[in-house]
Amino acid sequence: MGAVVRKGLGLMAEPGGAVEVHGAVAVEGAVATGDPDVLVAQIERTREDLARTIDSLAERVSPANNIRLLREKAAAQAARPEVQMGAAAVGAVIVGLTILRIWARHRRNR
């Protein structure tokens, strides 16, 4: 019976495996039997858990949220002293090379 794999606290079907359901609703491994109120409460808890999971997943894949996180990470990196020193050094090199190129053109055109 290799169709079911234990994952976390529950069971889930292997991809491509056969799964059979026989008239019972399982919630976190417990089967609700007897009292309909208990079954309704379990369904409501499961529905709330599913809604929280979907909200969490939607937040993780939201483009606006991902852009905000990237901006925060970039700002945190830019605030580091070694990054600021490196950026200043690169800027000084670019300015120096630009001045050198302008000076070389000016000298050549004389």
C-alpha atoms as a PDB file:
ATOM      1  CA  MET A   1       0.000   0.000   0.000  1.00  0.00           C
ATOM      2  CA  GLY A   2       2.505   2.617  -1.134  1.00  0.00           C
ATOM      3  CA  ALA A   3      -0.168   5.182  -2.049  1.00  0.00           C
ATOM      4  CA  VAL A   4      -0.061   7.074   1.263  1.00  0.00           C
ATOM      5  CA  VAL A   5       2.926   8.916   2.734  1.00  0.00           C
ATOM      6  CA  ARG A   6       3.230  10.216   6.302  1.00  0.00           C
ATOM      7  CA  LYS A   7       3.933  13.952   6.226  1.00  0.00           C
ATOM      8  CA  GLY A   8       3.968  16.109   9.341  1.00  0.00           C
ATOM      9  CA  LEU A   9       1.061  15.147  11.575  1.00  0.00           C
ATOM     10  CA  GLY A  10      -1.248  13.921   8.836  1.00  0.00           C
ATOM     11  CA  LEU A  11      -1.309  11.626   5.873  1.00  0.00           C
ATOM     12  CA  MET A  12      -1.273  12.659   2.270  1.00  0.00           C
ATOM     13  CA  ALA A  13      -1.455  10.828  -1.010  1.00  0.00           C
ATOM     14  CA  GLU A  14       1.660  10.256  -3.052  1.00  0.00           C
ATOM     15  CA  PRO A  15       1.551  12.061  -6.375  1.00  0.00           C
ATOM     16  CA  GLY A  16       0.015   9.648  -8.855  1.00  0.00           C
ATOM     17  CA  GLY A  17      -1.010   7.196  -6.104  1.00  0.00           C
ATOM     18  CA  ALA A  18      -4.500   5.792  -5.675  1.00  0.00           C
ATOM     19  CA  VAL A  19      -6.573   7.156  -2.795  1.00  0.00           C
ATOM     20  CA  GLU A  20      -9.811   5.723  -1.443  1.00  0.00           C
ATOM     21  CA  VAL A  21     -12.328   7.500   0.774  1.00  0.00           C
ATOM     22  CA  HIS A  22     -14.969   5.461   2.594  1.00  0.00           C
ATOM     23  CA  GLY A  23     -17.670   7.811   3.929  1.00  0.00           C
ATOM     24  CA  ALA A  24     -15.746   9.379   6.851  1.00  0.00           C
ATOM     25  CA  VAL A  25     -14.242  12.816   7.251  1.00  0.00           C
ATOM     26  CA  ALA A  26     -10.768  12.834   8.771  1.00  0.00           C
ATOM     27  CA  VAL A  27      -9.431  15.965  10.455  1.00  0.00           C
ATOM     28  CA  GLU A  28      -5.816  15.843  11.656  1.00  0.00           C
ATOM     29  CA  GLY A  29      -6.043  12.062  11.833  1.00  0.00           C
ATOM     30  CA  ALA A  30      -9.239  11.993  13.928  1.00  0.00           C
ATOM     31  CA  VAL A  31     -12.462  10.692  12.425  1.00  0.00           C
ATOM     32  CA  ALA A  32     -15.655  12.445  13.433  1.00  0.00           C
ATOM     33  CA  THR A  33     -18.367   9.971  14.302  1.00  0.00           C
ATOM     34  CA  GLY A  34     -21.658  10.280  16.079  1.00  0.00           C
ATOM     35  CA  ASP A  35     -22.500  13.850  17.066  1.00  0.00           C
ATOM     36  CA  PRO A  36     -23.276  16.108  14.077  1.00  0.00           C
ATOM     37  CA  ASP A  37     -22.348  19.184  16.135  1.00  0.00           C
ATOM     38  CA  VAL A  38     -18.816  17.810  16.587  1.00  0.00           C
ATOM     39  CA  LEU A  39     -18.588  17.208  12.847  1.00  0.00           C
ATOM     40  CA  VAL A  40     -19.790  20.756  12.080  1.00  0.00           C
ATOM     41  CA  ALA A  41     -17.251  22.177  14.562  1.00  0.00           C
ATOM     42  CA  GLN A  42     -14.462  20.165  12.921  1.00  0.00           C
ATOM     43  CA  ILE A  43     -15.523  21.368   9.484  1.00  0.00           C
ATOM     44  CA  GLU A  44     -15.537  24.990  10.688  1.00  0.00           C
ATOM     45  CA  ARG A  45     -12.056  24.613  12.230  1.00  0.00           C
ATOM     46  CA  THR A  46     -10.786  23.037   9.036  1.00  0.00           C
ATOM     47  CA  ARG A  47     -12.361  25.805   6.960  1.00  0.00           C
ATOM     48  CA  GLU A  48     -10.717  28.475   9.165  1.00  0.00           C
ATOM     49  CA  ASP A  49      -7.338  26.696   8.963  1.00  0.00           C
ATOM     50  CA  LEU A  50      -7.665  26.499   5.185  1.00  0.00           C
ATOM     51  CA  ALA A  51      -8.594  30.195   4.960  1.00  0.00           C
ATOM     52  CA  ARG A  52      -5.518  31.140   7.039  1.00  0.00           C
ATOM     53  CA  THR A  53      -3.321  28.939   4.851  1.00  0.00           C
ATOM     54  CA  ILE A  54      -4.694  30.477   1.651  1.00  0.00           C
ATOM     55  CA  ASP A  55      -4.219  34.006   3.057  1.00  0.00           C
ATOM     56  CA  SER A  56      -0.631  33.166   4.005  1.00  0.00           C
ATOM     57  CA  LEU A  57       0.102  31.754   0.548  1.00  0.00           C
ATOM     58  CA  ALA A  58      -1.520  34.746  -1.158  1.00  0.00           C
ATOM     59  CA  GLU A  59       0.644  37.083   0.912  1.00  0.00           C
ATOM     60  CA  ARG A  60       3.800  35.152  -0.024  1.00  0.00           C
ATOM     61  CA  VAL A  61       3.133  35.320  -3.775  1.00  0.00           C
ATOM     62  CA  SER A  62       1.721  38.845  -3.895  1.00  0.00           C
ATOM     63  CA  PRO A  63       3.807  40.922  -6.336  1.00  0.00           C
ATOM     64  CA  ALA A  64       3.261  44.094  -4.298  1.00  0.00           C
ATOM     65  CA  ASN A  65       4.358  42.333  -1.115  1.00  0.00           C
ATOM     66  CA  ASN A  66       7.428  40.862  -2.836  1.00  0.00           C
ATOM     67  CA  ILE A  67       8.436  44.295  -4.167  1.00  0.00           C
ATOM     68  CA  ARG A  68       8.022  45.786  -0.686  1.00  0.00           C
ATOM     69  CA  LEU A  69      10.215  43.035   0.815  1.00  0.00           C
ATOM     70  CA  LEU A  70      12.882  43.535  -1.872  1.00  0.00           C
ATOM     71  CA  ARG A  71      12.857  47.295  -1.231  1.00  0.00           C
ATOM     72  CA  GLU A  72      13.281  46.723   2.511  1.00  0.00           C
ATOM     73  CA  LYS A  73      16.169  44.299   1.935  1.00  0.00           C
ATOM     74  CA  ALA A  74      17.873  46.707  -0.487  1.00  0.00           C
ATOM     75  CA  ALA A  75      17.489  49.596   1.980  1.00  0.00           C
ATOM     76  CA  ALA A  76      18.939  47.447   4.777  1.00  0.00           C
ATOM     77  CA  GLN A  77      21.914  46.500   2.589  1.00  0.00           C
ATOM     78  CA  ALA A  78      22.463  50.104   1.457  1.00  0.00           C
ATOM     79  CA  ALA A  79      22.603  51.218   5.085  1.00  0.00           C
ATOM     80  CA  ARG A  80      25.622  48.980   5.797  1.00  0.00           C
ATOM     81  CA  PRO A  81      28.882  51.011   6.059  1.00  0.00           C
ATOM     82  CA  GLU A  82      30.887  48.614   3.870  1.00  0.00           C
ATOM     83  CA  VAL A  83      28.296  48.885   1.089  1.00  0.00           C
ATOM     84  CA  GLN A  84      28.326  52.676   1.325  1.00  0.00           C
ATOM     85  CA  MET A  85      32.152  52.726   1.162  1.00  0.00           C
ATOM     86  CA  GLY A  86      32.099  50.407  -1.858  1.00  0.00           C
ATOM     87  CA  ALA A  87      29.519  52.552  -3.638  1.00  0.00           C
ATOM     88  CA  ALA A  88      31.557  55.689  -2.915  1.00  0.00           C
ATOM     89  CA  ALA A  89      34.690  53.998  -4.286  1.00  0.00           C
ATOM     90  CA  VAL A  90      32.902  52.924  -7.462  1.00  0.00           C
ATOM     91  CA  GLY A  91      31.499  56.439  -7.870  1.00  0.00           C
ATOM     92  CA  ALA A  92      34.967  57.973  -7.452  1.00  0.00           C
ATOM     93  CA  VAL A  93      36.413  55.597 -10.067  1.00  0.00           C
ATOM     94  CA  ILE A  94      33.642  56.456 -12.546  1.00  0.00           C
ATOM     95  CA  VAL A  95      34.113  60.198 -12.007  1.00  0.00           C
ATOM     96  CA  GLY A  96      37.893  59.801 -12.350  1.00  0.00           C
ATOM     97  CA  LEU A  97      37.619  57.801 -15.573  1.00  0.00           C
ATOM     98  CA  THR A  98      35.150  60.325 -17.012  1.00  0.00           C
ATOM     99  CA  ILE A  99      37.482  63.232 -16.225  1.00  0.00           C
ATOM    100  CA  LEU A 100      40.437  61.304 -17.684  1.00  0.00           C
ATOM    101  CA  ARG A 101      38.527  60.566 -20.890  1.00  0.00           C
ATOM    102  CA  ILE A 102      37.413  64.193 -21.280  1.00  0.00           C
ATOM    103  CA  TRP A 103      40.993  65.377 -20.670  1.00  0.00           C
ATOM    104  CA  ALA A 104      42.378  62.858 -23.224  1.00  0.00           C
ATOM    105  CA  ARG A 105      39.878  63.981 -25.894  1.00  0.00           C
ATOM    106  CA  HIS A 106      40.610  67.608 -25.208  1.00  0.00           C
ATOM    107  CA  ARG A 107      44.360  67.004 -25.483  1.00  0.00           C
ATOM    108  CA  ARG A 108      43.977  64.998 -28.707  1.00  0.00           C
ATOM    109  CA  ASN A 109      41.863  67.708 -30.377  1.00  0.00           C
ATOM    110  CA  ARG A 110      44.477  70.426 -29.877  1.00  0.00           C
END
